[in-house]
Amino acid sequence: QVQLVESGGGNVQAGGSLRLSCAASGLTLDYAIGWFRQAPGKEREGLACSRNSDGSALYADSVKGRFTISRDNAKNTVYLQMNNLKREDTAVYYCAAEYIPSGTYYSTNYYLAPNQFDYWGQGTQVTVSS
């Protein structure tokens, strides 16, 4: 059974940093793991994804250069380092996992689309104040 548990959210001032963690269980290496967020009144948005096929990281333009996704397979944990946070980054942040057969490659948009992911954590709140 796949389980994902996020942690590391909190309150931070604009310009600050946070590192989110996603502890995964029940996964093999054939899972892509992504980070998403949802702000009040907005649709869930894909931010970054660690692609299992080649270990590459993919990013949405909105966070490229500020957020970094990393994956520690030995610890079954995926991290999202968020720097230079802005008020508009305030949201509930989720990690999600999707089985991708080894050697399969999809477009960046695929890996950042919430509807492609089957397994979700409960979310962690990030609030950025000015």
Protein backbone atom coordinates (compact mmCIF):
# COMPACT_ATOMS: atom_id res chain seq x y z
CA GLN A 1 0.00 0.00 0.00
CA VAL A 2 1.41 3.35 -1.03
CA GLN A 3 1.56 6.01 1.65
CA LEU A 4 2.94 9.52 1.40
CA VAL A 5 3.43 11.82 4.36
CA GLU A 6 4.46 15.44 3.94
CA SER A 7 6.17 17.54 6.57
CA GLY A 8 8.12 20.77 6.87
CA GLY A 9 5.43 23.32 6.19
CA GLY A 10 4.97 26.39 8.34
CA ASN A 11 4.98 30.15 8.45
CA VAL A 12 7.81 32.06 6.84
CA GLN A 13 8.46 35.63 5.84
CA ALA A 14 8.77 36.63 2.22
CA GLY A 15 12.27 35.99 0.96
CA GLY A 16 12.74 33.09 3.35
CA SER A 17 13.19 29.39 2.73
CA LEU A 18 11.55 26.12 3.70
CA ARG A 19 12.31 22.51 2.94
CA LEU A 20 9.41 20.14 2.59
CA SER A 21 9.80 16.40 2.97
CA CYS A 22 7.70 13.60 1.55
CA ALA A 23 8.23 10.26 3.25
CA ALA A 24 7.05 7.45 1.02
CA SER A 25 6.29 3.82 1.75
CA GLY A 26 5.05 1.02 -0.42
CA LEU A 27 6.82 2.37 -3.50
CA THR A 28 9.34 0.83 -5.82
CA LEU A 29 11.80 2.83 -7.89
CA ASP A 30 9.26 2.82 -10.74
CA TYR A 31 7.35 5.76 -9.34
CA ALA A 32 7.58 9.37 -10.33
CA ILE A 33 7.07 11.64 -7.33
CA GLY A 34 5.91 15.18 -7.70
CA TRP A 35 5.11 18.21 -5.60
CA PHE A 36 1.89 20.13 -6.09
CA ARG A 37 0.13 22.95 -4.30
CA GLN A 38 -3.34 24.35 -3.98
CA ALA A 39 -4.16 27.85 -2.85
CA PRO A 40 -7.65 28.80 -1.66
CA GLY A 41 -10.01 29.20 -4.58
CA LYS A 42 -7.45 27.94 -7.09
CA GLU A 43 -6.85 24.68 -8.90
CA ARG A 44 -4.15 22.31 -7.81
CA GLU A 45 -0.90 23.21 -9.54
CA GLY A 46 2.08 21.03 -10.43
CA LEU A 47 5.41 22.43 -9.24
CA ALA A 48 8.15 19.86 -9.65
CA CYS A 49 8.60 16.20 -10.34
CA SER A 50 11.36 13.68 -9.87
CA ARG A 51 11.11 11.44 -12.89
CA ASN A 52 11.95 7.84 -12.08
CA SER A 53 13.09 6.78 -15.57
CA ASP A 54 16.25 8.86 -15.58
CA GLY A 55 16.20 10.61 -12.21
CA SER A 56 15.75 13.99 -13.84
CA ALA A 57 13.91 16.86 -12.22
CA LEU A 58 11.19 18.79 -13.98
CA TYR A 59 9.82 22.16 -12.92
CA ALA A 60 6.94 24.47 -13.59
CA ASP A 61 8.01 27.86 -14.90
CA SER A 62 6.45 29.51 -11.85
CA VAL A 63 9.04 27.98 -9.51
CA LYS A 64 12.01 27.30 -11.76
CA GLY A 65 15.14 28.75 -10.21
CA ARG A 66 13.58 29.04 -6.73
CA PHE A 67 12.46 25.49 -5.92
CA THR A 68 14.58 22.35 -6.08
CA ILE A 69 13.29 18.79 -5.90
CA SER A 70 15.58 16.03 -4.75
CA ARG A 71 15.11 12.37 -4.09
CA ASP A 72 16.84 10.08 -1.63
CA ASN A 73 15.90 6.56 -2.66
CA ALA A 74 17.72 5.05 0.31
CA LYS A 75 15.44 6.98 2.67
CA ASN A 76 12.37 6.77 0.44
CA THR A 77 12.06 10.51 0.79
CA VAL A 78 11.61 13.33 -1.68
CA TYR A 79 12.37 16.89 -0.73
CA LEU A 80 11.31 20.27 -2.04
CA GLN A 81 13.69 23.06 -1.17
CA MET A 82 11.90 26.38 -1.55
CA ASN A 83 13.93 29.58 -1.61
CA ASN A 84 13.01 33.23 -2.01
CA LEU A 85 9.44 32.51 -1.03
CA LYS A 86 6.74 34.95 -2.04
CA ARG A 87 3.29 35.64 -0.63
CA GLU A 88 1.77 33.98 -3.68
CA ASP A 89 3.50 30.74 -2.68
CA THR A 90 1.03 30.44 0.21
CA ALA A 91 -0.86 27.20 -0.29
CA VAL A 92 -1.26 23.63 0.88
CA TYR A 93 1.58 21.60 -0.57
CA TYR A 94 1.14 17.96 -1.54
CA CYS A 95 3.41 15.25 -2.75
CA ALA A 96 2.05 12.61 -5.08
CA ALA A 97 3.28 9.44 -6.73
CA GLU A 98 2.52 7.73 -9.97
CA TYR A 99 3.70 4.40 -11.32
CA ILE A 100 5.67 4.88 -14.53
CA PRO A 101 7.05 1.74 -16.23
CA SER A 102 10.84 1.75 -16.40
CA GLY A 103 12.12 3.29 -19.62
CA THR A 104 8.93 5.23 -20.25
CA TYR A 105 9.20 8.95 -20.84
CA TYR A 106 6.39 11.46 -20.98
CA SER A 107 6.32 15.19 -21.52
CA THR A 108 6.99 17.69 -18.75
CA ASN A 109 3.32 18.63 -18.77
CA TYR A 110 2.42 15.03 -18.02
CA TYR A 111 4.57 14.94 -14.90
CA LEU A 112 3.14 18.24 -13.65
CA ALA A 113 -0.50 17.34 -14.21
CA PRO A 114 -2.28 16.49 -10.95
CA ASN A 115 -4.77 14.22 -12.68
CA GLN A 116 -1.97 11.87 -13.76
CA PHE A 117 -1.07 10.98 -10.18
CA ASP A 118 -2.89 8.29 -8.24
CA TYR A 119 -1.36 8.51 -4.77
CA TRP A 120 -1.42 11.62 -2.60
CA GLY A 121 -0.29 12.74 0.81
CA GLN A 122 -2.44 14.71 3.19
CA GLY A 123 -0.72 18.03 2.50
CA THR A 124 1.24 20.52 4.54
CA GLN A 125 0.40 24.21 4.86
CA VAL A 126 2.90 26.85 3.80
CA THR A 127 2.10 30.44 4.66
CA VAL A 128 4.31 33.27 3.46
CA SER A 129 3.84 36.67 5.03
CA SER A 130 5.28 40.01 4.02
